[in-house]
């Protein structure tokens, strides 16, 4: 993944510090397994686990989905 995608909205996931440490530098498929173990993140898990890959196209798509959701919910 290009460095400029690292901190984009579509690449960020809200997790506990413990989960963040566990998932830190793992592959996307390994992160999904970690996220699925965490019951407090059910909404985020559902969103994240719908992706098969985690590349620039997926990050851009998720970013657009998050922005569309925010505009719909908070408008």
PDB file of N, CA and C in Angstrom:
ATOM      1  N   UNK A   1       0.852  -1.169   0.000  1.00  0.00           N
ATOM      2  CA  UNK A   1       0.000   0.000   0.000  1.00  0.00           C
ATOM      3  C   UNK A   1       0.901   1.236   0.000  1.00  0.00           C
ATOM      4  N   UNK A   2       0.556   2.215  -0.815  1.00  0.00           N
ATOM      5  CA  UNK A   2       1.335   3.455  -0.825  1.00  0.00           C
ATOM      6  C   UNK A   2       1.272   4.149   0.543  1.00  0.00           C
ATOM      7  N   UNK A   3       2.343   4.773   0.925  1.00  0.00           N
ATOM      8  CA  UNK A   3       2.440   5.443   2.228  1.00  0.00           C
ATOM      9  C   UNK A   3       1.342   6.489   2.424  1.00  0.00           C
ATOM     10  N   UNK A   4       0.948   7.179   1.349  1.00  0.00           N
ATOM     11  CA  UNK A   4      -0.058   8.236   1.485  1.00  0.00           C
ATOM     12  C   UNK A   4      -1.467   7.693   1.761  1.00  0.00           C
ATOM     13  N   UNK A   5      -1.655   6.384   1.746  1.00  0.00           N
ATOM     14  CA  UNK A   5      -2.954   5.786   2.092  1.00  0.00           C
ATOM     15  C   UNK A   5      -3.010   5.360   3.553  1.00  0.00           C
ATOM     16  N   UNK A   6      -1.896   5.347   4.217  1.00  0.00           N
ATOM     17  CA  UNK A   6      -1.795   4.825   5.586  1.00  0.00           C
ATOM     18  C   UNK A   6      -2.746   5.524   6.551  1.00  0.00           C
ATOM     19  N   UNK A   7      -2.870   6.841   6.464  1.00  0.00           N
ATOM     20  CA  UNK A   7      -3.686   7.598   7.419  1.00  0.00           C
ATOM     21  C   UNK A   7      -4.980   8.132   6.811  1.00  0.00           C
ATOM     22  N   UNK A   8      -5.390   7.599   5.689  1.00  0.00           N
ATOM     23  CA  UNK A   8      -6.660   8.026   5.094  1.00  0.00           C
ATOM     24  C   UNK A   8      -7.822   7.484   5.905  1.00  0.00           C
ATOM     25  N   UNK A   9      -8.922   8.200   5.906  1.00  0.00           N
ATOM     26  CA  UNK A   9     -10.108   7.800   6.655  1.00  0.00           C
ATOM     27  C   UNK A   9     -10.518   6.367   6.341  1.00  0.00           C
ATOM     28  N   UNK A  10     -10.490   6.001   5.091  1.00  0.00           N
ATOM     29  CA  UNK A  10     -10.915   4.660   4.688  1.00  0.00           C
ATOM     30  C   UNK A  10     -10.015   3.545   5.178  1.00  0.00           C
ATOM     31  N   UNK A  11      -8.825   3.877   5.644  1.00  0.00           N
ATOM     32  CA  UNK A  11      -7.896   2.866   6.131  1.00  0.00           C
ATOM     33  C   UNK A  11      -7.892   2.764   7.654  1.00  0.00           C
ATOM     34  N   UNK A  12      -8.607   3.639   8.325  1.00  0.00           N
ATOM     35  CA  UNK A  12      -8.588   3.652   9.780  1.00  0.00           C
ATOM     36  C   UNK A  12      -9.751   2.859  10.358  1.00  0.00           C
ATOM     37  N   UNK A  13      -9.475   2.175  11.455  1.00  0.00           N
ATOM     38  CA  UNK A  13     -10.491   1.396  12.158  1.00  0.00           C
ATOM     39  C   UNK A  13     -10.397   1.745  13.636  1.00  0.00           C
ATOM     40  N   UNK A  14     -11.516   2.032  14.257  1.00  0.00           N
ATOM     41  CA  UNK A  14     -11.531   2.339  15.680  1.00  0.00           C
ATOM     42  C   UNK A  14     -11.520   1.023  16.451  1.00  0.00           C
ATOM     43  N   UNK A  15     -10.451   0.823  17.198  1.00  0.00           N
ATOM     44  CA  UNK A  15     -10.311  -0.390  17.999  1.00  0.00           C
ATOM     45  C   UNK A  15      -9.717  -0.032  19.353  1.00  0.00           C
ATOM     46  N   UNK A  16      -9.787  -0.959  20.276  1.00  0.00           N
ATOM     47  CA  UNK A  16      -9.171  -0.762  21.582  1.00  0.00           C
ATOM     48  C   UNK A  16      -7.649  -0.786  21.431  1.00  0.00           C
ATOM     49  N   UNK A  17      -6.924  -0.221  22.377  1.00  0.00           N
ATOM     50  CA  UNK A  17      -5.457  -0.273  22.308  1.00  0.00           C
ATOM     51  C   UNK A  17      -4.926  -1.707  22.250  1.00  0.00           C
ATOM     52  N   UNK A  18      -5.582  -2.617  22.952  1.00  0.00           N
ATOM     53  CA  UNK A  18      -5.143  -4.013  22.947  1.00  0.00           C
ATOM     54  C   UNK A  18      -5.273  -4.634  21.558  1.00  0.00           C
ATOM     55  N   UNK A  19      -6.384  -4.387  20.902  1.00  0.00           N
ATOM     56  CA  UNK A  19      -6.597  -4.934  19.563  1.00  0.00           C
ATOM     57  C   UNK A  19      -5.633  -4.278  18.585  1.00  0.00           C
ATOM     58  N   UNK A  20      -5.433  -2.980  18.735  1.00  0.00           N
ATOM     59  CA  UNK A  20      -4.507  -2.281  17.858  1.00  0.00           C
ATOM     60  C   UNK A  20      -3.107  -2.890  17.961  1.00  0.00           C
ATOM     61  N   UNK A  21      -2.657  -3.170  19.172  1.00  0.00           N
ATOM     62  CA  UNK A  21      -1.340  -3.774  19.364  1.00  0.00           C
ATOM     63  C   UNK A  21      -1.277  -5.166  18.751  1.00  0.00           C
ATOM     64  N   UNK A  22      -2.335  -5.940  18.934  1.00  0.00           N
ATOM     65  CA  UNK A  22      -2.352  -7.306  18.403  1.00  0.00           C
ATOM     66  C   UNK A  22      -2.373  -7.324  16.875  1.00  0.00           C
ATOM     67  N   UNK A  23      -3.120  -6.406  16.279  1.00  0.00           N
ATOM     68  CA  UNK A  23      -3.289  -6.394  14.820  1.00  0.00           C
ATOM     69  C   UNK A  23      -2.217  -5.585  14.094  1.00  0.00           C
ATOM     70  N   UNK A  24      -1.455  -4.845  14.817  1.00  0.00           N
ATOM     71  CA  UNK A  24      -0.531  -3.833  14.327  1.00  0.00           C
ATOM     72  C   UNK A  24       0.006  -4.029  12.913  1.00  0.00           C
ATOM     73  N   UNK A  25       0.909  -4.922  12.690  1.00  0.00           N
ATOM     74  CA  UNK A  25       1.540  -5.083  11.374  1.00  0.00           C
ATOM     75  C   UNK A  25       1.155  -6.380  10.680  1.00  0.00           C
ATOM     76  N   UNK A  26       0.030  -6.917  11.038  1.00  0.00           N
ATOM     77  CA  UNK A  26      -0.401  -8.180  10.447  1.00  0.00           C
ATOM     78  C   UNK A  26      -1.060  -7.942   9.081  1.00  0.00           C
ATOM     79  N   UNK A  27      -1.225  -9.013   8.349  1.00  0.00           N
ATOM     80  CA  UNK A  27      -1.899  -8.922   7.046  1.00  0.00           C
ATOM     81  C   UNK A  27      -3.385  -8.639   7.264  1.00  0.00           C
ATOM     82  N   UNK A  28      -4.058  -8.223   6.205  1.00  0.00           N
ATOM     83  CA  UNK A  28      -5.484  -7.921   6.302  1.00  0.00           C
ATOM     84  C   UNK A  28      -6.271  -9.136   6.789  1.00  0.00           C
ATOM     85  N   UNK A  29      -5.991 -10.322   6.253  1.00  0.00           N
ATOM     86  CA  UNK A  29      -6.743 -11.516   6.662  1.00  0.00           C
ATOM     87  C   UNK A  29      -6.504 -11.837   8.137  1.00  0.00           C
ATOM     88  N   UNK A  30      -5.304 -11.609   8.627  1.00  0.00           N
ATOM     89  CA  UNK A  30      -5.030 -11.837  10.047  1.00  0.00           C
ATOM     90  C   UNK A  30      -5.742 -10.799  10.915  1.00  0.00           C
ATOM     91  N   UNK A  31      -5.805  -9.562  10.443  1.00  0.00           N
ATOM     92  CA  UNK A  31      -6.505  -8.518  11.186  1.00  0.00           C
ATOM     93  C   UNK A  31      -7.989  -8.838  11.292  1.00  0.00           C
ATOM     94  N   UNK A  32      -8.582  -9.338  10.213  1.00  0.00           N
ATOM     95  CA  UNK A  32     -10.001  -9.697  10.235  1.00  0.00           C
ATOM     96  C   UNK A  32     -10.267 -10.721  11.334  1.00  0.00           C
ATOM     97  N   UNK A  33      -9.404 -11.720  11.458  1.00  0.00           N
ATOM     98  CA  UNK A  33      -9.558 -12.727  12.512  1.00  0.00           C
ATOM     99  C   UNK A  33      -9.510 -12.082  13.898  1.00  0.00           C
ATOM    100  N   UNK A  34      -8.609 -11.147  14.079  1.00  0.00           N
ATOM    101  CA  UNK A  34      -8.495 -10.442  15.359  1.00  0.00           C
ATOM    102  C   UNK A  34      -9.735  -9.601  15.617  1.00  0.00           C
ATOM    103  N   UNK A  35     -10.184  -8.843  14.619  1.00  0.00           N
ATOM    104  CA  UNK A  35     -11.370  -8.006  14.786  1.00  0.00           C
ATOM    105  C   UNK A  35     -12.609  -8.850  15.086  1.00  0.00           C
ATOM    106  N   UNK A  36     -12.707 -10.021  14.490  1.00  0.00           N
ATOM    107  CA  UNK A  36     -13.868 -10.884  14.704  1.00  0.00           C
ATOM    108  C   UNK A  36     -13.945 -11.436  16.116  1.00  0.00           C
ATOM    109  N   UNK A  37     -12.858 -11.427  16.844  1.00  0.00           N
ATOM    110  CA  UNK A  37     -12.854 -11.906  18.224  1.00  0.00           C
ATOM    111  C   UNK A  37     -13.403 -10.857  19.195  1.00  0.00           C
ATOM    112  N   UNK A  38     -13.519  -9.629  18.749  1.00  0.00           N
ATOM    113  CA  UNK A  38     -13.901  -8.525  19.617  1.00  0.00           C
ATOM    114  C   UNK A  38     -15.390  -8.222  19.481  1.00  0.00           C
ATOM    115  N   UNK A  39     -16.176  -8.547  20.492  1.00  0.00           N
ATOM    116  CA  UNK A  39     -17.627  -8.353  20.450  1.00  0.00           C
ATOM    117  C   UNK A  39     -18.057  -6.893  20.525  1.00  0.00           C
ATOM    118  N   UNK A  40     -17.235  -6.046  21.109  1.00  0.00           N
ATOM    119  CA  UNK A  40     -17.621  -4.640  21.263  1.00  0.00           C
ATOM    120  C   UNK A  40     -17.589  -3.884  19.943  1.00  0.00           C
ATOM    121  N   UNK A  41     -17.067  -4.499  18.913  1.00  0.00           N
ATOM    122  CA  UNK A  41     -16.923  -3.810  17.631  1.00  0.00           C
ATOM    123  C   UNK A  41     -17.823  -4.402  16.561  1.00  0.00           C
ATOM    124  N   UNK A  42     -18.982  -4.879  16.926  1.00  0.00           N
ATOM    125  CA  UNK A  42     -19.836  -5.593  15.976  1.00  0.00           C
ATOM    126  C   UNK A  42     -20.147  -4.781  14.734  1.00  0.00           C
ATOM    127  N   UNK A  43     -20.489  -3.527  14.878  1.00  0.00           N
ATOM    128  CA  UNK A  43     -20.815  -2.705  13.713  1.00  0.00           C
ATOM    129  C   UNK A  43     -19.601  -2.554  12.814  1.00  0.00           C
ATOM    130  N   UNK A  44     -18.467  -2.224  13.382  1.00  0.00           N
ATOM    131  CA  UNK A  44     -17.254  -2.061  12.583  1.00  0.00           C
ATOM    132  C   UNK A  44     -16.813  -3.380  11.976  1.00  0.00           C
ATOM    133  N   UNK A  45     -16.935  -4.462  12.733  1.00  0.00           N
ATOM    134  CA  UNK A  45     -16.558  -5.769  12.205  1.00  0.00           C
ATOM    135  C   UNK A  45     -17.340  -6.086  10.954  1.00  0.00           C
ATOM    136  N   UNK A  46     -18.648  -5.842  11.006  1.00  0.00           N
ATOM    137  CA  UNK A  46     -19.488  -6.141   9.854  1.00  0.00           C
ATOM    138  C   UNK A  46     -19.000  -5.365   8.627  1.00  0.00           C
ATOM    139  N   UNK A  47     -18.691  -4.102   8.829  1.00  0.00           N
ATOM    140  CA  UNK A  47     -18.240  -3.272   7.714  1.00  0.00           C
ATOM    141  C   UNK A  47     -16.907  -3.768   7.186  1.00  0.00           C
ATOM    142  N   UNK A  48     -15.956  -3.989   8.069  1.00  0.00           N
ATOM    143  CA  UNK A  48     -14.606  -4.376   7.662  1.00  0.00           C
ATOM    144  C   UNK A  48     -14.591  -5.757   7.033  1.00  0.00           C
ATOM    145  N   UNK A  49     -15.302  -6.709   7.600  1.00  0.00           N
ATOM    146  CA  UNK A  49     -15.236  -8.082   7.107  1.00  0.00           C
ATOM    147  C   UNK A  49     -15.954  -8.273   5.779  1.00  0.00           C
ATOM    148  N   UNK A  50     -16.668  -7.262   5.303  1.00  0.00           N
ATOM    149  CA  UNK A  50     -17.284  -7.350   3.982  1.00  0.00           C
ATOM    150  C   UNK A  50     -16.254  -7.227   2.862  1.00  0.00           C
ATOM    151  N   UNK A  51     -15.063  -6.788   3.193  1.00  0.00           N
ATOM    152  CA  UNK A  51     -14.004  -6.616   2.205  1.00  0.00           C
ATOM    153  C   UNK A  51     -13.183  -7.897   2.086  1.00  0.00           C
ATOM    154  N   UNK A  52     -12.856  -8.248   0.865  1.00  0.00           N
ATOM    155  CA  UNK A  52     -12.037  -9.424   0.616  1.00  0.00           C
ATOM    156  C   UNK A  52     -10.552  -9.074   0.604  1.00  0.00           C
ATOM    157  N   UNK A  53     -10.257  -7.844   0.235  1.00  0.00           N
ATOM    158  CA  UNK A  53      -8.883  -7.356   0.147  1.00  0.00           C
ATOM    159  C   UNK A  53      -8.803  -6.054   0.914  1.00  0.00           C
ATOM    160  N   UNK A  54      -7.636  -5.507   0.964  1.00  0.00           N
ATOM    161  CA  UNK A  54      -7.485  -4.190   1.578  1.00  0.00           C
ATOM    162  C   UNK A  54      -6.405  -3.473   0.799  1.00  0.00           C
ATOM    163  N   UNK A  55      -6.797  -2.949  -0.348  1.00  0.00           N
ATOM    164  CA  UNK A  55      -5.857  -2.234  -1.198  1.00  0.00           C
ATOM    165  C   UNK A  55      -6.374  -0.812  -1.402  1.00  0.00           C
ATOM    166  N   UNK A  56      -5.731  -0.045  -2.255  1.00  0.00           N
ATOM    167  CA  UNK A  56      -6.109   1.352  -2.426  1.00  0.00           C
ATOM    168  C   UNK A  56      -7.549   1.512  -2.919  1.00  0.00           C
ATOM    169  N   UNK A  57      -7.996   0.610  -3.761  1.00  0.00           N
ATOM    170  CA  UNK A  57      -9.381   0.676  -4.260  1.00  0.00           C
ATOM    171  C   UNK A  57     -10.360   0.463  -3.108  1.00  0.00           C
ATOM    172  N   UNK A  58     -10.086  -0.522  -2.250  1.00  0.00           N
ATOM    173  CA  UNK A  58     -10.963  -0.793  -1.106  1.00  0.00           C
ATOM    174  C   UNK A  58     -10.933   0.344  -0.095  1.00  0.00           C
ATOM    175  N   UNK A  59      -9.766   0.922   0.122  1.00  0.00           N
ATOM    176  CA  UNK A  59      -9.657   2.050   1.048  1.00  0.00           C
ATOM    177  C   UNK A  59     -10.468   3.229   0.536  1.00  0.00           C
ATOM    178  N   UNK A  60     -10.366   3.526  -0.732  1.00  0.00           N
ATOM    179  CA  UNK A  60     -11.149   4.621  -1.314  1.00  0.00           C
ATOM    180  C   UNK A  60     -12.642   4.324  -1.243  1.00  0.00           C
ATOM    181  N   UNK A  61     -13.039   3.086  -1.504  1.00  0.00           N
ATOM    182  CA  UNK A  61     -14.457   2.718  -1.443  1.00  0.00           C
ATOM    183  C   UNK A  61     -14.980   2.854  -0.016  1.00  0.00           C
ATOM    184  N   UNK A  62     -14.221   2.360   0.958  1.00  0.00           N
ATOM    185  CA  UNK A  62     -14.653   2.453   2.351  1.00  0.00           C
ATOM    186  C   UNK A  62     -14.714   3.909   2.796  1.00  0.00           C
ATOM    187  N   UNK A  63     -13.749   4.708   2.367  1.00  0.00           N
ATOM    188  CA  UNK A  63     -13.755   6.119   2.725  1.00  0.00           C
ATOM    189  C   UNK A  63     -15.022   6.797   2.202  1.00  0.00           C
ATOM    190  N   UNK A  64     -15.390   6.509   0.968  1.00  0.00           N
ATOM    191  CA  UNK A  64     -16.613   7.082   0.397  1.00  0.00           C
ATOM    192  C   UNK A  64     -17.842   6.611   1.169  1.00  0.00           C
ATOM    193  N   UNK A  65     -17.879   5.317   1.531  1.00  0.00           N
ATOM    194  CA  UNK A  65     -19.004   4.790   2.303  1.00  0.00           C
ATOM    195  C   UNK A  65     -19.108   5.466   3.661  1.00  0.00           C
ATOM    196  N   UNK A  66     -17.982   5.684   4.332  1.00  0.00           N
ATOM    197  CA  UNK A  66     -17.992   6.353   5.630  1.00  0.00           C
ATOM    198  C   UNK A  66     -18.465   7.800   5.506  1.00  0.00           C
ATOM    199  N   UNK A  67     -18.005   8.488   4.486  1.00  0.00           N
ATOM    200  CA  UNK A  67     -18.422   9.879   4.269  1.00  0.00           C
ATOM    201  C   UNK A  67     -19.914   9.938   3.946  1.00  0.00           C
ATOM    202  N   UNK A  68     -20.380   9.054   3.071  1.00  0.00           N
ATOM    203  CA  UNK A  68     -21.806   9.022   2.731  1.00  0.00           C
ATOM    204  C   UNK A  68     -22.648   8.734   3.970  1.00  0.00           C
ATOM    205  N   UNK A  69     -22.192   7.784   4.806  1.00  0.00           N
ATOM    206  CA  UNK A  69     -22.920   7.448   6.036  1.00  0.00           C
ATOM    207  C   UNK A  69     -22.971   8.668   6.958  1.00  0.00           C
ATOM    208  N   UNK A  70     -21.832   9.333   7.152  1.00  0.00           N
ATOM    209  CA  UNK A  70     -21.773  10.490   8.039  1.00  0.00           C
ATOM    210  C   UNK A  70     -22.707  11.606   7.548  1.00  0.00           C
ATOM    211  N   UNK A  71     -22.684  11.871   6.241  1.00  0.00           N
ATOM    212  CA  UNK A  71     -23.565  12.896   5.695  1.00  0.00           C
ATOM    213  C   UNK A  71     -25.024  12.536   5.882  1.00  0.00           C
ATOM    214  N   UNK A  72     -25.359  11.272   5.729  1.00  0.00           N
ATOM    215  CA  UNK A  72     -26.736  10.823   5.890  1.00  0.00           C
ATOM    216  C   UNK A  72     -27.183  10.886   7.347  1.00  0.00           C
ATOM    217  N   UNK A  73     -26.324  10.453   8.246  1.00  0.00           N
ATOM    218  CA  UNK A  73     -26.677  10.377   9.666  1.00  0.00           C
ATOM    219  C   UNK A  73     -26.610  11.725  10.372  1.00  0.00           C
ATOM    220  N   UNK A  74     -25.661  12.552   9.998  1.00  0.00           N
ATOM    221  CA  UNK A  74     -25.413  13.783  10.749  1.00  0.00           C
ATOM    222  C   UNK A  74     -25.882  15.030  10.008  1.00  0.00           C
ATOM    223  N   UNK A  75     -26.525  14.880   8.886  1.00  0.00           N
ATOM    224  CA  UNK A  75     -26.967  16.034   8.125  1.00  0.00           C
ATOM    225  C   UNK A  75     -28.267  16.586   8.680  1.00  0.00           C
TER     226      UNK A  75
END
